[in-house]
N, C-alpha and C. Protein backbone atom coordinates (compact mmCIF):
# COMPACT_ATOMS: atom_id res chain seq x y z
N MET A 1 7.23 2.17 10.25
CA MET A 1 7.81 3.34 10.37
C MET A 1 7.05 3.87 11.78
N ASP A 2 7.67 4.38 13.24
CA ASP A 2 6.96 5.03 14.21
C ASP A 2 6.78 6.38 14.12
N LEU A 3 5.57 6.89 14.09
CA LEU A 3 5.33 8.27 13.77
C LEU A 3 4.47 8.75 15.07
N SER A 4 4.33 7.94 16.29
CA SER A 4 3.98 8.49 17.46
C SER A 4 4.47 9.78 18.01
N ASN A 5 5.46 9.77 17.89
CA ASN A 5 6.15 11.34 18.41
C ASN A 5 6.14 12.44 17.20
N ALA A 6 6.09 12.40 16.12
CA ALA A 6 6.07 13.14 15.00
C ALA A 6 5.01 14.36 15.18
N THR A 7 5.54 15.72 15.05
CA THR A 7 4.92 16.77 15.26
C THR A 7 3.88 16.97 13.78
N TRP A 8 2.88 16.98 13.68
CA TRP A 8 1.87 17.49 12.53
C TRP A 8 1.79 18.72 12.25
N PHE A 9 1.68 19.31 11.32
CA PHE A 9 1.54 20.79 10.95
C PHE A 9 0.34 20.68 9.78
N LYS A 10 -0.77 21.73 9.96
CA LYS A 10 -1.59 21.91 8.76
C LYS A 10 -1.19 23.43 8.41
N SER A 11 -1.09 23.59 7.00
CA SER A 11 -0.98 24.75 6.39
C SER A 11 -1.91 26.05 7.01
N SER A 12 -1.40 26.99 7.36
CA SER A 12 -2.13 28.25 7.78
C SER A 12 -3.10 28.71 6.83
N PHE A 13 -2.96 28.16 5.31
CA PHE A 13 -4.18 28.43 4.51
C PHE A 13 -5.48 27.70 4.40
N SER A 14 -5.54 26.72 5.82
CA SER A 14 -6.25 25.69 5.57
C SER A 14 -7.73 26.05 6.20
N GLY A 15 -7.33 27.03 7.20
CA GLY A 15 -8.43 28.00 7.80
C GLY A 15 -10.08 26.71 8.10
N SER A 16 -11.00 27.16 7.68
CA SER A 16 -12.27 26.42 8.12
C SER A 16 -12.60 25.69 6.89
N ASN A 17 -11.96 25.13 6.29
CA ASN A 17 -12.66 24.53 5.06
C ASN A 17 -13.52 23.20 5.39
N GLY A 18 -13.80 22.99 6.28
CA GLY A 18 -14.37 21.77 6.41
C GLY A 18 -13.47 20.22 6.89
N GLY A 19 -12.48 20.66 7.27
CA GLY A 19 -11.47 19.32 7.49
C GLY A 19 -10.92 18.94 6.10
N ASN A 20 -10.88 19.52 5.21
CA ASN A 20 -10.54 18.86 3.63
C ASN A 20 -8.93 19.49 3.83
N CYS A 21 -8.11 18.95 4.90
CA CYS A 21 -6.71 19.22 4.84
C CYS A 21 -5.94 18.08 4.77
N VAL A 22 -4.59 18.53 4.73
CA VAL A 22 -3.48 17.63 4.98
C VAL A 22 -2.54 18.11 5.75
N GLU A 23 -2.06 17.16 6.50
CA GLU A 23 -0.87 17.48 7.65
C GLU A 23 0.35 16.85 7.30
N VAL A 24 1.21 17.68 7.79
CA VAL A 24 2.94 17.44 7.29
C VAL A 24 3.86 17.47 8.66
N ALA A 25 4.56 16.19 8.64
CA ALA A 25 5.41 16.10 9.60
C ALA A 25 6.85 16.19 8.94
N ARG A 26 8.04 16.34 9.45
CA ARG A 26 9.43 16.29 9.33
C ARG A 26 9.61 15.15 9.70
N ILE A 27 10.41 13.87 9.57
CA ILE A 27 11.13 12.91 10.35
C ILE A 27 12.13 13.20 10.86
N ASN A 28 12.43 12.94 11.87
CA ASN A 28 13.78 13.34 12.59
C ASN A 28 14.11 12.12 13.53
N GLY A 29 15.49 11.63 13.60
CA GLY A 29 15.87 10.67 14.15
C GLY A 29 15.19 9.51 14.15
N GLU A 30 14.51 9.07 12.97
CA GLU A 30 14.07 7.76 12.81
C GLU A 30 15.08 7.06 11.98
N PRO A 31 15.61 5.95 12.38
CA PRO A 31 16.76 5.20 11.42
C PRO A 31 16.32 5.10 10.20
N GLY A 32 17.38 5.28 9.27
CA GLY A 32 17.15 5.38 7.77
C GLY A 32 16.03 6.26 7.11
N HIS A 33 15.29 6.92 7.93
CA HIS A 33 13.96 7.66 7.37
C HIS A 33 14.56 9.45 7.67
N ALA A 34 15.32 9.61 8.11
CA ALA A 34 15.56 11.14 8.88
C ALA A 34 15.51 11.97 7.68
N GLY A 35 14.81 12.86 7.92
CA GLY A 35 14.59 14.08 6.75
C GLY A 35 13.54 13.67 6.20
N LEU A 36 12.75 12.82 6.18
CA LEU A 36 11.81 12.56 5.19
C LEU A 36 10.59 13.12 5.44
N ILE A 37 9.49 13.53 4.77
CA ILE A 37 8.54 14.45 4.66
C ILE A 37 7.56 13.30 4.73
N ALA A 38 6.51 13.56 6.04
CA ALA A 38 5.29 12.76 5.92
C ALA A 38 3.90 13.46 5.83
N VAL A 39 3.30 12.81 4.76
CA VAL A 39 1.81 13.76 4.79
C VAL A 39 0.75 12.53 5.14
N ARG A 40 -0.36 13.29 5.86
CA ARG A 40 -1.33 12.28 5.95
C ARG A 40 -2.67 13.24 5.97
N ASP A 41 -4.05 12.63 5.56
CA ASP A 41 -4.94 13.35 5.93
C ASP A 41 -5.48 13.56 7.05
N SER A 42 -5.79 14.82 7.49
CA SER A 42 -6.35 15.24 8.56
C SER A 42 -7.57 14.66 9.02
N LYS A 43 -8.54 14.08 8.42
CA LYS A 43 -9.70 13.46 8.81
C LYS A 43 -9.25 12.16 9.21
N ASP A 44 -8.12 11.29 8.71
CA ASP A 44 -7.77 10.05 8.89
C ASP A 44 -6.26 10.03 9.37
N PRO A 45 -5.95 10.54 10.57
CA PRO A 45 -4.62 10.29 10.95
C PRO A 45 -4.01 9.20 11.05
N ASP A 46 -4.78 8.02 11.32
CA ASP A 46 -4.45 6.67 11.60
C ASP A 46 -4.28 5.92 10.31
N GLY A 47 -4.58 6.60 9.21
CA GLY A 47 -4.68 5.96 7.79
C GLY A 47 -3.11 5.98 7.56
N PRO A 48 -3.30 5.95 5.95
CA PRO A 48 -1.73 5.72 5.44
C PRO A 48 -1.44 7.08 5.22
N LYS A 49 0.02 7.27 5.15
CA LYS A 49 1.06 8.33 4.96
C LYS A 49 1.60 8.42 3.63
N LEU A 50 2.02 9.40 2.96
CA LEU A 50 2.90 9.22 1.84
C LEU A 50 4.24 9.91 2.69
N PHE A 51 5.14 9.52 2.07
CA PHE A 51 6.77 9.61 2.56
C PHE A 51 7.27 10.74 1.11
N PHE A 52 7.95 11.70 1.31
CA PHE A 52 8.80 12.31 0.36
C PHE A 52 10.10 12.77 0.67
N THR A 53 11.17 12.62 -0.20
CA THR A 53 12.59 13.11 0.22
C THR A 53 12.45 14.56 0.25
N PRO A 54 13.39 15.59 0.60
CA PRO A 54 13.39 16.60 0.61
C PRO A 54 13.18 17.72 -0.73
N PRO A 55 14.21 16.91 -1.69
CA PRO A 55 13.93 17.37 -3.16
C PRO A 55 12.69 17.16 -3.55
N GLU A 56 12.09 15.79 -3.27
CA GLU A 56 10.61 15.71 -4.02
C GLU A 56 9.61 16.68 -3.40
N TRP A 57 9.76 17.12 -1.96
CA TRP A 57 8.99 18.04 -1.63
C TRP A 57 9.00 19.20 -1.71
N ASP A 58 10.11 19.70 -2.11
CA ASP A 58 10.57 21.15 -2.45
C ASP A 58 9.89 21.34 -4.05
N ALA A 59 9.96 20.00 -4.91
CA ALA A 59 9.44 20.01 -6.31
C ALA A 59 7.95 20.20 -6.42
N PHE A 60 7.28 19.38 -5.22
CA PHE A 60 5.79 19.55 -5.01
C PHE A 60 5.30 20.84 -4.58
N LEU A 61 6.14 21.30 -3.65
CA LEU A 61 5.71 22.92 -2.87
C LEU A 61 5.98 23.89 -4.16
N SER A 62 6.89 23.61 -4.94
CA SER A 62 7.40 24.55 -6.00
C SER A 62 6.12 24.54 -7.34
N GLY A 63 5.57 23.54 -7.38
CA GLY A 63 4.52 23.23 -8.43
C GLY A 63 3.19 23.71 -7.88
N ALA A 64 2.87 23.55 -6.66
CA ALA A 64 1.77 24.20 -6.09
C ALA A 64 1.84 25.69 -5.92
N LYS A 65 2.94 26.17 -5.74
CA LYS A 65 3.04 27.73 -5.57
C LYS A 65 2.81 28.04 -7.05
N ALA A 66 3.43 27.22 -8.13
CA ALA A 66 3.00 27.92 -9.39
C ALA A 66 1.74 27.42 -9.94
N GLY A 67 0.79 26.97 -9.32
CA GLY A 67 -0.54 26.43 -9.92
C GLY A 67 -0.46 25.51 -10.92
N GLU A 68 0.18 24.51 -10.71
CA GLU A 68 0.54 23.58 -11.77
C GLU A 68 -0.40 22.59 -11.76
N PHE A 69 -1.13 22.37 -10.48
CA PHE A 69 -1.99 21.26 -9.63
C PHE A 69 -3.32 22.15 -10.01
N GLY A 70 -3.84 22.87 -10.52
CA GLY A 70 -5.25 23.76 -10.22
C GLY A 70 -5.97 23.22 -11.16
């Protein structure tokens, strides 16, 4: 999948924690993949990416907000 035009975002909570962050991009216009959410390591932007459907991403965010992964 070509992600060269993806707009990547970091959480405003990432601050200056030494680069231990992930970046997130919503995939738009990519045939067969529109609407997916891509996640990558900010220290390795050319490395592997994880892809989530919107319901999977919503479930992850809900769990993170509820402290399920702490």
